């Protein structure tokens, strides 16, 4: 049986969250499960980390000042390119709006 520390072994995760405490909590839990975690406090910094760290998974807050998680997802999808591996993403937010939900699923940065 796998221990919690082995569950995400060898998985690189990029956590994007503008709240310091929430970002630290995500990092701690994911590392306890064995993941290698890189964090960013905003979408622009996360885009730089994405290119540097080449994560396997993205965990991103949707509601951030300036560029939000939907903007980031769109930029990452454009950077990954057609025909290349897809980057699984987990969206987290304290707010829910059906329009925002659809916009983020499209990752349409022009909306």
PDB file of N, CA and C in Angstrom:
ATOM      1  N   UNK A   1       0.826  -1.175   0.000  1.00  0.00           N
ATOM      2  CA  UNK A   1       0.000   0.000   0.000  1.00  0.00           C
ATOM      3  C   UNK A   1       0.879   1.251   0.000  1.00  0.00           C
ATOM      4  N   UNK A   2       0.511   2.248  -0.800  1.00  0.00           N
ATOM      5  CA  UNK A   2       1.275   3.485  -0.861  1.00  0.00           C
ATOM      6  C   UNK A   2       1.019   4.350   0.363  1.00  0.00           C
ATOM      7  N   UNK A   3       2.075   5.005   0.816  1.00  0.00           N
ATOM      8  CA  UNK A   3       1.897   5.981   1.883  1.00  0.00           C
ATOM      9  C   UNK A   3       1.493   7.305   1.249  1.00  0.00           C
ATOM     10  N   UNK A   4       0.991   8.230   2.047  1.00  0.00           N
ATOM     11  CA  UNK A   4       0.600   9.545   1.531  1.00  0.00           C
ATOM     12  C   UNK A   4       1.774  10.231   0.856  1.00  0.00           C
ATOM     13  N   UNK A   5       2.986   9.992   1.376  1.00  0.00           N
ATOM     14  CA  UNK A   5       4.170  10.636   0.812  1.00  0.00           C
ATOM     15  C   UNK A   5       4.534  10.088  -0.563  1.00  0.00           C
ATOM     16  N   UNK A   6       4.001   8.941  -0.941  1.00  0.00           N
ATOM     17  CA  UNK A   6       4.304   8.350  -2.247  1.00  0.00           C
ATOM     18  C   UNK A   6       3.233   8.633  -3.292  1.00  0.00           C
ATOM     19  N   UNK A   7       2.097   9.140  -2.883  1.00  0.00           N
ATOM     20  CA  UNK A   7       0.964   9.303  -3.773  1.00  0.00           C
ATOM     21  C   UNK A   7       1.294  10.146  -5.005  1.00  0.00           C
ATOM     22  N   UNK A   8       2.012  11.231  -4.804  1.00  0.00           N
ATOM     23  CA  UNK A   8       2.352  12.123  -5.915  1.00  0.00           C
ATOM     24  C   UNK A   8       3.852  12.147  -6.197  1.00  0.00           C
ATOM     25  N   UNK A   9       4.526  11.064  -5.867  1.00  0.00           N
ATOM     26  CA  UNK A   9       5.967  10.995  -6.102  1.00  0.00           C
ATOM     27  C   UNK A   9       6.273  11.261  -7.572  1.00  0.00           C
ATOM     28  N   UNK A  10       7.278  12.063  -7.805  1.00  0.00           N
ATOM     29  CA  UNK A  10       7.758  12.422  -9.150  1.00  0.00           C
ATOM     30  C   UNK A  10       6.783  13.298  -9.938  1.00  0.00           C
ATOM     31  N   UNK A  11       5.784  13.869  -9.286  1.00  0.00           N
ATOM     32  CA  UNK A  11       4.848  14.782  -9.954  1.00  0.00           C
ATOM     33  C   UNK A  11       5.263  16.206  -9.617  1.00  0.00           C
ATOM     34  N   UNK A  12       5.472  17.010 -10.664  1.00  0.00           N
ATOM     35  CA  UNK A  12       5.840  18.418 -10.476  1.00  0.00           C
ATOM     36  C   UNK A  12       4.567  19.261 -10.572  1.00  0.00           C
ATOM     37  N   UNK A  13       4.305  20.048  -9.538  1.00  0.00           N
ATOM     38  CA  UNK A  13       3.081  20.836  -9.457  1.00  0.00           C
ATOM     39  C   UNK A  13       3.431  22.315  -9.364  1.00  0.00           C
ATOM     40  N   UNK A  14       2.756  23.117 -10.174  1.00  0.00           N
ATOM     41  CA  UNK A  14       2.855  24.572 -10.091  1.00  0.00           C
ATOM     42  C   UNK A  14       1.600  25.069  -9.387  1.00  0.00           C
ATOM     43  N   UNK A  15       1.771  25.693  -8.215  1.00  0.00           N
ATOM     44  CA  UNK A  15       0.665  26.248  -7.437  1.00  0.00           C
ATOM     45  C   UNK A  15       0.682  27.764  -7.595  1.00  0.00           C
ATOM     46  N   UNK A  16      -0.453  28.313  -8.010  1.00  0.00           N
ATOM     47  CA  UNK A  16      -0.572  29.756  -8.212  1.00  0.00           C
ATOM     48  C   UNK A  16      -1.690  30.270  -7.315  1.00  0.00           C
ATOM     49  N   UNK A  17      -1.338  31.121  -6.385  1.00  0.00           N
ATOM     50  CA  UNK A  17      -2.309  31.639  -5.412  1.00  0.00           C
ATOM     51  C   UNK A  17      -1.783  32.962  -4.881  1.00  0.00           C
ATOM     52  N   UNK A  18      -2.616  33.997  -4.905  1.00  0.00           N
ATOM     53  CA  UNK A  18      -2.168  35.300  -4.435  1.00  0.00           C
ATOM     54  C   UNK A  18      -2.216  35.432  -2.911  1.00  0.00           C
ATOM     55  N   UNK A  19      -2.945  34.562  -2.228  1.00  0.00           N
ATOM     56  CA  UNK A  19      -2.994  34.586  -0.772  1.00  0.00           C
ATOM     57  C   UNK A  19      -1.842  33.742  -0.220  1.00  0.00           C
ATOM     58  N   UNK A  20      -0.964  34.384   0.546  1.00  0.00           N
ATOM     59  CA  UNK A  20       0.233  33.705   1.047  1.00  0.00           C
ATOM     60  C   UNK A  20      -0.088  32.454   1.862  1.00  0.00           C
ATOM     61  N   UNK A  21      -1.063  32.558   2.762  1.00  0.00           N
ATOM     62  CA  UNK A  21      -1.403  31.414   3.619  1.00  0.00           C
ATOM     63  C   UNK A  21      -1.969  30.250   2.807  1.00  0.00           C
ATOM     64  N   UNK A  22      -2.861  30.542   1.877  1.00  0.00           N
ATOM     65  CA  UNK A  22      -3.448  29.486   1.041  1.00  0.00           C
ATOM     66  C   UNK A  22      -2.375  28.836   0.173  1.00  0.00           C
ATOM     67  N   UNK A  23      -1.478  29.656  -0.388  1.00  0.00           N
ATOM     68  CA  UNK A  23      -0.402  29.128  -1.232  1.00  0.00           C
ATOM     69  C   UNK A  23       0.487  28.189  -0.424  1.00  0.00           C
ATOM     70  N   UNK A  24       0.814  28.586   0.806  1.00  0.00           N
ATOM     71  CA  UNK A  24       1.660  27.760   1.665  1.00  0.00           C
ATOM     72  C   UNK A  24       0.952  26.457   2.042  1.00  0.00           C
ATOM     73  N   UNK A  25      -0.343  26.527   2.293  1.00  0.00           N
ATOM     74  CA  UNK A  25      -1.104  25.320   2.626  1.00  0.00           C
ATOM     75  C   UNK A  25      -1.115  24.335   1.459  1.00  0.00           C
ATOM     76  N   UNK A  26      -1.381  24.830   0.249  1.00  0.00           N
ATOM     77  CA  UNK A  26      -1.331  23.966  -0.934  1.00  0.00           C
ATOM     78  C   UNK A  26       0.042  23.316  -1.059  1.00  0.00           C
ATOM     79  N   UNK A  27       1.096  24.124  -0.913  1.00  0.00           N
ATOM     80  CA  UNK A  27       2.462  23.605  -1.037  1.00  0.00           C
ATOM     81  C   UNK A  27       2.721  22.505  -0.022  1.00  0.00           C
ATOM     82  N   UNK A  28       2.365  22.769   1.227  1.00  0.00           N
ATOM     83  CA  UNK A  28       2.616  21.813   2.300  1.00  0.00           C
ATOM     84  C   UNK A  28       1.887  20.490   2.066  1.00  0.00           C
ATOM     85  N   UNK A  29       0.618  20.546   1.744  1.00  0.00           N
ATOM     86  CA  UNK A  29      -0.164  19.318   1.534  1.00  0.00           C
ATOM     87  C   UNK A  29       0.375  18.530   0.345  1.00  0.00           C
ATOM     88  N   UNK A  30       0.660  19.217  -0.745  1.00  0.00           N
ATOM     89  CA  UNK A  30       1.171  18.523  -1.928  1.00  0.00           C
ATOM     90  C   UNK A  30       2.543  17.909  -1.673  1.00  0.00           C
ATOM     91  N   UNK A  31       3.405  18.611  -0.959  1.00  0.00           N
ATOM     92  CA  UNK A  31       4.718  18.052  -0.637  1.00  0.00           C
ATOM     93  C   UNK A  31       4.605  16.864   0.312  1.00  0.00           C
ATOM     94  N   UNK A  32       3.655  16.914   1.246  1.00  0.00           N
ATOM     95  CA  UNK A  32       3.432  15.768   2.134  1.00  0.00           C
ATOM     96  C   UNK A  32       2.992  14.533   1.352  1.00  0.00           C
ATOM     97  N   UNK A  33       2.380  14.760   0.194  1.00  0.00           N
ATOM     98  CA  UNK A  33       1.960  13.651  -0.677  1.00  0.00           C
ATOM     99  C   UNK A  33       3.053  13.266  -1.669  1.00  0.00           C
ATOM    100  N   UNK A  34       4.221  13.882  -1.556  1.00  0.00           N
ATOM    101  CA  UNK A  34       5.359  13.494  -2.375  1.00  0.00           C
ATOM    102  C   UNK A  34       5.619  14.337  -3.603  1.00  0.00           C
ATOM    103  N   UNK A  35       4.788  15.335  -3.871  1.00  0.00           N
ATOM    104  CA  UNK A  35       4.971  16.156  -5.067  1.00  0.00           C
ATOM    105  C   UNK A  35       6.145  17.120  -4.908  1.00  0.00           C
ATOM    106  N   UNK A  36       6.708  17.476  -6.025  1.00  0.00           N
ATOM    107  CA  UNK A  36       7.688  18.547  -6.093  1.00  0.00           C
ATOM    108  C   UNK A  36       6.899  19.795  -6.464  1.00  0.00           C
ATOM    109  N   UNK A  37       6.943  20.820  -5.621  1.00  0.00           N
ATOM    110  CA  UNK A  37       6.054  21.971  -5.780  1.00  0.00           C
ATOM    111  C   UNK A  37       6.837  23.251  -6.030  1.00  0.00           C
ATOM    112  N   UNK A  38       6.381  23.999  -7.028  1.00  0.00           N
ATOM    113  CA  UNK A  38       6.861  25.342  -7.304  1.00  0.00           C
ATOM    114  C   UNK A  38       5.658  26.249  -7.130  1.00  0.00           C
ATOM    115  N   UNK A  39       5.862  27.414  -6.502  1.00  0.00           N
ATOM    116  CA  UNK A  39       4.737  28.309  -6.265  1.00  0.00           C
ATOM    117  C   UNK A  39       4.954  29.668  -6.923  1.00  0.00           C
ATOM    118  N   UNK A  40       3.832  30.358  -7.137  1.00  0.00           N
ATOM    119  CA  UNK A  40       3.858  31.719  -7.652  1.00  0.00           C
ATOM    120  C   UNK A  40       2.693  32.477  -7.029  1.00  0.00           C
ATOM    121  N   UNK A  41       2.913  33.760  -6.783  1.00  0.00           N
ATOM    122  CA  UNK A  41       1.898  34.586  -6.161  1.00  0.00           C
ATOM    123  C   UNK A  41       0.975  35.286  -7.125  1.00  0.00           C
ATOM    124  N   UNK A  42       1.180  35.083  -8.410  1.00  0.00           N
ATOM    125  CA  UNK A  42       0.332  35.713  -9.415  1.00  0.00           C
ATOM    126  C   UNK A  42       0.502  35.052 -10.763  1.00  0.00           C
ATOM    127  N   UNK A  43      -0.368  35.404 -11.698  1.00  0.00           N
ATOM    128  CA  UNK A  43      -0.383  34.745 -13.008  1.00  0.00           C
ATOM    129  C   UNK A  43       0.862  35.021 -13.842  1.00  0.00           C
ATOM    130  N   UNK A  44       1.331  36.259 -13.845  1.00  0.00           N
ATOM    131  CA  UNK A  44       2.532  36.558 -14.655  1.00  0.00           C
ATOM    132  C   UNK A  44       3.764  35.820 -14.127  1.00  0.00           C
ATOM    133  N   UNK A  45       3.943  35.812 -12.822  1.00  0.00           N
ATOM    134  CA  UNK A  45       5.062  35.067 -12.226  1.00  0.00           C
ATOM    135  C   UNK A  45       4.907  33.578 -12.504  1.00  0.00           C
ATOM    136  N   UNK A  46       3.674  33.093 -12.483  1.00  0.00           N
ATOM    137  CA  UNK A  46       3.411  31.675 -12.754  1.00  0.00           C
ATOM    138  C   UNK A  46       3.783  31.301 -14.177  1.00  0.00           C
ATOM    139  N   UNK A  47       3.543  32.195 -15.114  1.00  0.00           N
ATOM    140  CA  UNK A  47       3.896  31.909 -16.503  1.00  0.00           C
ATOM    141  C   UNK A  47       5.408  31.739 -16.643  1.00  0.00           C
ATOM    142  N   UNK A  48       6.168  32.576 -15.948  1.00  0.00           N
ATOM    143  CA  UNK A  48       7.629  32.424 -15.943  1.00  0.00           C
ATOM    144  C   UNK A  48       8.026  31.088 -15.313  1.00  0.00           C
ATOM    145  N   UNK A  49       7.399  30.739 -14.179  1.00  0.00           N
ATOM    146  CA  UNK A  49       7.699  29.464 -13.511  1.00  0.00           C
ATOM    147  C   UNK A  49       7.315  28.276 -14.392  1.00  0.00           C
ATOM    148  N   UNK A  50       6.220  28.401 -15.121  1.00  0.00           N
ATOM    149  CA  UNK A  50       5.793  27.327 -16.019  1.00  0.00           C
ATOM    150  C   UNK A  50       6.889  27.025 -17.037  1.00  0.00           C
ATOM    151  N   UNK A  51       7.439  28.058 -17.647  1.00  0.00           N
ATOM    152  CA  UNK A  51       8.485  27.857 -18.659  1.00  0.00           C
ATOM    153  C   UNK A  51       9.772  27.305 -18.038  1.00  0.00           C
ATOM    154  N   UNK A  52      10.058  27.693 -16.808  1.00  0.00           N
ATOM    155  CA  UNK A  52      11.274  27.239 -16.146  1.00  0.00           C
ATOM    156  C   UNK A  52      11.130  25.824 -15.587  1.00  0.00           C
ATOM    157  N   UNK A  53      10.031  25.559 -14.880  1.00  0.00           N
ATOM    158  CA  UNK A  53       9.885  24.303 -14.145  1.00  0.00           C
ATOM    159  C   UNK A  53       9.240  23.176 -14.944  1.00  0.00           C
ATOM    160  N   UNK A  54       8.496  23.510 -15.992  1.00  0.00           N
ATOM    161  CA  UNK A  54       7.785  22.508 -16.810  1.00  0.00           C
ATOM    162  C   UNK A  54       7.001  21.532 -15.924  1.00  0.00           C
ATOM    163  N   UNK A  55       5.999  22.042 -15.208  1.00  0.00           N
ATOM    164  CA  UNK A  55       5.246  21.188 -14.283  1.00  0.00           C
ATOM    165  C   UNK A  55       4.379  20.157 -15.003  1.00  0.00           C
ATOM    166  N   UNK A  56       3.980  19.146 -14.249  1.00  0.00           N
ATOM    167  CA  UNK A  56       3.068  18.121 -14.745  1.00  0.00           C
ATOM    168  C   UNK A  56       1.613  18.501 -14.508  1.00  0.00           C
ATOM    169  N   UNK A  57       1.387  19.339 -13.492  1.00  0.00           N
ATOM    170  CA  UNK A  57       0.034  19.734 -13.086  1.00  0.00           C
ATOM    171  C   UNK A  57       0.048  21.202 -12.668  1.00  0.00           C
ATOM    172  N   UNK A  58      -1.040  21.899 -12.967  1.00  0.00           N
ATOM    173  CA  UNK A  58      -1.232  23.286 -12.537  1.00  0.00           C
ATOM    174  C   UNK A  58      -2.371  23.329 -11.533  1.00  0.00           C
ATOM    175  N   UNK A  59      -2.146  23.982 -10.393  1.00  0.00           N
ATOM    176  CA  UNK A  59      -3.200  24.271  -9.425  1.00  0.00           C
ATOM    177  C   UNK A  59      -3.228  25.788  -9.315  1.00  0.00           C
ATOM    178  N   UNK A  60      -4.346  26.399  -9.734  1.00  0.00           N
ATOM    179  CA  UNK A  60      -4.380  27.857  -9.788  1.00  0.00           C
ATOM    180  C   UNK A  60      -5.664  28.442  -9.234  1.00  0.00           C
ATOM    181  N   UNK A  61      -5.495  29.502  -8.472  1.00  0.00           N
ATOM    182  CA  UNK A  61      -6.613  30.331  -8.050  1.00  0.00           C
ATOM    183  C   UNK A  61      -7.159  31.002  -9.307  1.00  0.00           C
ATOM    184  N   UNK A  62      -8.458  31.139  -9.387  1.00  0.00           N
ATOM    185  CA  UNK A  62      -9.064  31.831 -10.526  1.00  0.00           C
ATOM    186  C   UNK A  62      -9.169  33.325 -10.291  1.00  0.00           C
ATOM    187  N   UNK A  63      -9.437  33.725  -9.061  1.00  0.00           N
ATOM    188  CA  UNK A  63      -9.701  35.131  -8.733  1.00  0.00           C
ATOM    189  C   UNK A  63      -8.462  35.788  -8.154  1.00  0.00           C
ATOM    190  N   UNK A  64      -7.625  36.304  -9.035  1.00  0.00           N
ATOM    191  CA  UNK A  64      -6.430  37.015  -8.595  1.00  0.00           C
ATOM    192  C   UNK A  64      -6.459  38.412  -9.191  1.00  0.00           C
ATOM    193  N   UNK A  65      -5.811  39.371  -8.524  1.00  0.00           N
ATOM    194  CA  UNK A  65      -5.743  40.715  -9.102  1.00  0.00           C
ATOM    195  C   UNK A  65      -4.915  40.694 -10.387  1.00  0.00           C
ATOM    196  N   UNK A  66      -5.104  41.668 -11.199  1.00  0.00           N
ATOM    197  CA  UNK A  66      -4.440  41.750 -12.502  1.00  0.00           C
ATOM    198  C   UNK A  66      -4.900  40.576 -13.361  1.00  0.00           C
ATOM    199  N   UNK A  67      -3.986  39.780 -13.861  1.00  0.00           N
ATOM    200  CA  UNK A  67      -4.374  38.633 -14.670  1.00  0.00           C
ATOM    201  C   UNK A  67      -4.846  37.514 -13.763  1.00  0.00           C
ATOM    202  N   UNK A  68      -5.929  36.865 -14.159  1.00  0.00           N
ATOM    203  CA  UNK A  68      -6.507  35.822 -13.314  1.00  0.00           C
ATOM    204  C   UNK A  68      -6.112  34.426 -13.798  1.00  0.00           C
ATOM    205  N   UNK A  69      -6.662  33.424 -13.143  1.00  0.00           N
ATOM    206  CA  UNK A  69      -6.344  32.044 -13.484  1.00  0.00           C
ATOM    207  C   UNK A  69      -6.781  31.643 -14.878  1.00  0.00           C
ATOM    208  N   UNK A  70      -7.856  32.238 -15.368  1.00  0.00           N
ATOM    209  CA  UNK A  70      -8.303  31.951 -16.745  1.00  0.00           C
ATOM    210  C   UNK A  70      -7.301  32.496 -17.754  1.00  0.00           C
ATOM    211  N   UNK A  71      -6.806  33.687 -17.504  1.00  0.00           N
ATOM    212  CA  UNK A  71      -5.773  34.288 -18.365  1.00  0.00           C
ATOM    213  C   UNK A  71      -4.555  33.365 -18.396  1.00  0.00           C
ATOM    214  N   UNK A  72      -4.150  32.898 -17.214  1.00  0.00           N
ATOM    215  CA  UNK A  72      -2.984  32.018 -17.114  1.00  0.00           C
ATOM    216  C   UNK A  72      -3.201  30.721 -17.879  1.00  0.00           C
ATOM    217  N   UNK A  73      -4.363  30.097 -17.700  1.00  0.00           N
ATOM    218  CA  UNK A  73      -4.643  28.840 -18.404  1.00  0.00           C
ATOM    219  C   UNK A  73      -4.583  29.025 -19.910  1.00  0.00           C
ATOM    220  N   UNK A  74      -5.111  30.137 -20.396  1.00  0.00           N
ATOM    221  CA  UNK A  74      -5.048  30.420 -21.838  1.00  0.00           C
ATOM    222  C   UNK A  74      -3.629  30.578 -22.334  1.00  0.00           C
ATOM    223  N   UNK A  75      -2.806  31.283 -21.579  1.00  0.00           N
ATOM    224  CA  UNK A  75      -1.403  31.479 -21.973  1.00  0.00           C
ATOM    225  C   UNK A  75      -0.637  30.163 -21.949  1.00  0.00           C
ATOM    226  N   UNK A  76      -0.903  29.349 -20.941  1.00  0.00           N
ATOM    227  CA  UNK A  76      -0.205  28.059 -20.860  1.00  0.00           C
ATOM    228  C   UNK A  76      -0.646  27.148 -21.997  1.00  0.00           C
ATOM    229  N   UNK A  77      -1.929  27.111 -22.294  1.00  0.00           N
ATOM    230  CA  UNK A  77      -2.389  26.282 -23.419  1.00  0.00           C
ATOM    231  C   UNK A  77      -1.765  26.744 -24.727  1.00  0.00           C
ATOM    232  N   UNK A  78      -1.630  28.038 -24.916  1.00  0.00           N
ATOM    233  CA  UNK A  78      -0.990  28.556 -26.129  1.00  0.00           C
ATOM    234  C   UNK A  78       0.489  28.185 -26.159  1.00  0.00           C
ATOM    235  N   UNK A  79       1.147  28.210 -25.006  1.00  0.00           N
ATOM    236  CA  UNK A  79       2.573  27.880 -24.942  1.00  0.00           C
ATOM    237  C   UNK A  79       2.823  26.401 -25.166  1.00  0.00           C
ATOM    238  N   UNK A  80       1.908  25.561 -24.686  1.00  0.00           N
ATOM    239  CA  UNK A  80       2.072  24.117 -24.856  1.00  0.00           C
ATOM    240  C   UNK A  80       1.974  23.760 -26.327  1.00  0.00           C
ATOM    241  N   UNK A  81       1.058  24.371 -27.051  1.00  0.00           N
ATOM    242  CA  UNK A  81       0.944  24.152 -28.489  1.00  0.00           C
ATOM    243  C   UNK A  81       0.103  22.948 -28.863  1.00  0.00           C
ATOM    244  N   UNK A  82      -0.281  22.939 -30.099  1.00  0.00           N
ATOM    245  CA  UNK A  82      -1.116  21.873 -30.637  1.00  0.00           C
ATOM    246  C   UNK A  82      -0.295  20.604 -30.795  1.00  0.00           C
ATOM    247  N   UNK A  83      -0.868  19.479 -30.418  1.00  0.00           N
ATOM    248  CA  UNK A  83      -0.206  18.198 -30.612  1.00  0.00           C
ATOM    249  C   UNK A  83       0.757  17.811 -29.511  1.00  0.00           C
ATOM    250  N   UNK A  84       0.998  18.709 -28.559  1.00  0.00           N
ATOM    251  CA  UNK A  84       1.880  18.384 -27.455  1.00  0.00           C
ATOM    252  C   UNK A  84       1.045  17.927 -26.268  1.00  0.00           C
ATOM    253  N   UNK A  85       1.709  17.453 -25.234  1.00  0.00           N
ATOM    254  CA  UNK A  85       0.980  16.942 -24.070  1.00  0.00           C
ATOM    255  C   UNK A  85       0.117  18.027 -23.449  1.00  0.00           C
ATOM    256  N   UNK A  86      -0.994  17.619 -22.901  1.00  0.00           N
ATOM    257  CA  UNK A  86      -1.889  18.555 -22.215  1.00  0.00           C
ATOM    258  C   UNK A  86      -1.461  18.663 -20.767  1.00  0.00           C
ATOM    259  N   UNK A  87      -1.660  19.813 -20.207  1.00  0.00           N
ATOM    260  CA  UNK A  87      -1.326  20.045 -18.812  1.00  0.00           C
ATOM    261  C   UNK A  87      -2.603  19.987 -17.984  1.00  0.00           C
ATOM    262  N   UNK A  88      -2.762  18.952 -17.152  1.00  0.00           N
ATOM    263  CA  UNK A  88      -3.938  18.915 -16.282  1.00  0.00           C
ATOM    264  C   UNK A  88      -3.923  20.126 -15.353  1.00  0.00           C
ATOM    265  N   UNK A  89      -5.106  20.690 -15.114  1.00  0.00           N
ATOM    266  CA  UNK A  89      -5.190  21.872 -14.260  1.00  0.00           C
ATOM    267  C   UNK A  89      -6.337  21.730 -13.266  1.00  0.00           C
ATOM    268  N   UNK A  90      -6.089  22.242 -12.072  1.00  0.00           N
ATOM    269  CA  UNK A  90      -7.103  22.302 -11.029  1.00  0.00           C
ATOM    270  C   UNK A  90      -7.344  23.775 -10.744  1.00  0.00           C
ATOM    271  N   UNK A  91      -8.597  24.203 -10.855  1.00  0.00           N
ATOM    272  CA  UNK A  91      -8.949  25.591 -10.583  1.00  0.00           C
ATOM    273  C   UNK A  91      -9.563  25.676  -9.197  1.00  0.00           C
ATOM    274  N   UNK A  92      -9.102  26.645  -8.418  1.00  0.00           N
ATOM    275  CA  UNK A  92      -9.668  26.869  -7.090  1.00  0.00           C
ATOM    276  C   UNK A  92     -10.114  28.322  -6.998  1.00  0.00           C
ATOM    277  N   UNK A  93     -11.200  28.533  -6.275  1.00  0.00           N
ATOM    278  CA  UNK A  93     -11.688  29.892  -6.100  1.00  0.00           C
ATOM    279  C   UNK A  93     -12.619  29.967  -4.903  1.00  0.00           C
ATOM    280  N   UNK A  94     -12.722  31.143  -4.351  1.00  0.00           N
ATOM    281  CA  UNK A  94     -13.678  31.391  -3.275  1.00  0.00           C
ATOM    282  C   UNK A  94     -14.986  31.904  -3.853  1.00  0.00           C
ATOM    283  N   UNK A  95     -15.027  32.139  -5.155  1.00  0.00           N
ATOM    284  CA  UNK A  95     -16.198  32.697  -5.824  1.00  0.00           C
ATOM    285  C   UNK A  95     -16.655  31.732  -6.907  1.00  0.00           C
ATOM    286  N   UNK A  96     -17.948  31.729  -7.181  1.00  0.00           N
ATOM    287  CA  UNK A  96     -18.434  30.899  -8.275  1.00  0.00           C
ATOM    288  C   UNK A  96     -19.475  31.680  -9.071  1.00  0.00           C
ATOM    289  N   UNK A  97     -19.266  31.691 -10.338  1.00  0.00           N
ATOM    290  CA  UNK A  97     -20.171  32.359 -11.262  1.00  0.00           C
ATOM    291  C   UNK A  97     -20.186  31.501 -12.521  1.00  0.00           C
ATOM    292  N   UNK A  98     -21.354  31.109 -12.985  1.00  0.00           N
ATOM    293  CA  UNK A  98     -21.464  30.207 -14.137  1.00  0.00           C
ATOM    294  C   UNK A  98     -20.769  30.776 -15.383  1.00  0.00           C
ATOM    295  N   UNK A  99     -20.870  32.083 -15.601  1.00  0.00           N
ATOM    296  CA  UNK A  99     -20.186  32.708 -16.754  1.00  0.00           C
ATOM    297  C   UNK A  99     -18.679  32.548 -16.639  1.00  0.00           C
ATOM    298  N   UNK A 100     -18.157  32.808 -15.442  1.00  0.00           N
ATOM    299  CA  UNK A 100     -16.718  32.655 -15.225  1.00  0.00           C
ATOM    300  C   UNK A 100     -16.291  31.206 -15.418  1.00  0.00           C
ATOM    301  N   UNK A 101     -17.110  30.305 -14.959  1.00  0.00           N
ATOM    302  CA  UNK A 101     -16.829  28.879 -15.115  1.00  0.00           C
ATOM    303  C   UNK A 101     -16.664  28.534 -16.597  1.00  0.00           C
ATOM    304  N   UNK A 102     -17.599  28.944 -17.412  1.00  0.00           N
ATOM    305  CA  UNK A 102     -17.518  28.654 -18.856  1.00  0.00           C
ATOM    306  C   UNK A 102     -16.310  29.345 -19.491  1.00  0.00           C
ATOM    307  N   UNK A 103     -16.052  30.594 -19.091  1.00  0.00           N
ATOM    308  CA  UNK A 103     -14.917  31.330 -19.664  1.00  0.00           C
ATOM    309  C   UNK A 103     -13.600  30.628 -19.326  1.00  0.00           C
ATOM    310  N   UNK A 104     -13.472  30.161 -18.112  1.00  0.00           N
ATOM    311  CA  UNK A 104     -12.239  29.492 -17.727  1.00  0.00           C
ATOM    312  C   UNK A 104     -12.063  28.146 -18.403  1.00  0.00           C
ATOM    313  N   UNK A 105     -13.153  27.447 -18.631  1.00  0.00           N
ATOM    314  CA  UNK A 105     -13.057  26.185 -19.356  1.00  0.00           C
ATOM    315  C   UNK A 105     -12.566  26.413 -20.785  1.00  0.00           C
ATOM    316  N   UNK A 106     -12.972  27.517 -21.369  1.00  0.00           N
ATOM    317  CA  UNK A 106     -12.486  27.861 -22.713  1.00  0.00           C
ATOM    318  C   UNK A 106     -11.067  28.408 -22.671  1.00  0.00           C
ATOM    319  N   UNK A 107     -10.674  28.952 -21.493  1.00  0.00           N
ATOM    320  CA  UNK A 107      -9.367  29.620 -21.340  1.00  0.00           C
ATOM    321  C   UNK A 107      -9.202  30.686 -22.397  1.00  0.00           C
ATOM    322  N   UNK A 108     -10.273  31.402 -22.631  1.00  0.00           N
ATOM    323  CA  UNK A 108     -10.272  32.467 -23.621  1.00  0.00           C
ATOM    324  C   UNK A 108      -9.788  33.741 -22.968  1.00  0.00           C
ATOM    325  N   UNK A 109      -8.533  34.096 -23.192  1.00  0.00           N
ATOM    326  CA  UNK A 109      -7.940  35.247 -22.532  1.00  0.00           C
ATOM    327  C   UNK A 109      -8.468  36.565 -23.074  1.00  0.00           C
ATOM    328  N   UNK A 110      -9.270  36.543 -24.107  1.00  0.00           N
ATOM    329  CA  UNK A 110      -9.776  37.791 -24.669  1.00  0.00           C
ATOM    330  C   UNK A 110     -11.137  38.155 -24.104  1.00  0.00           C
ATOM    331  N   UNK A 111     -11.739  37.270 -23.278  1.00  0.00           N
ATOM    332  CA  UNK A 111     -13.064  37.553 -22.711  1.00  0.00           C
ATOM    333  C   UNK A 111     -12.973  38.560 -21.607  1.00  0.00           C
TER     334      UNK A 111
END
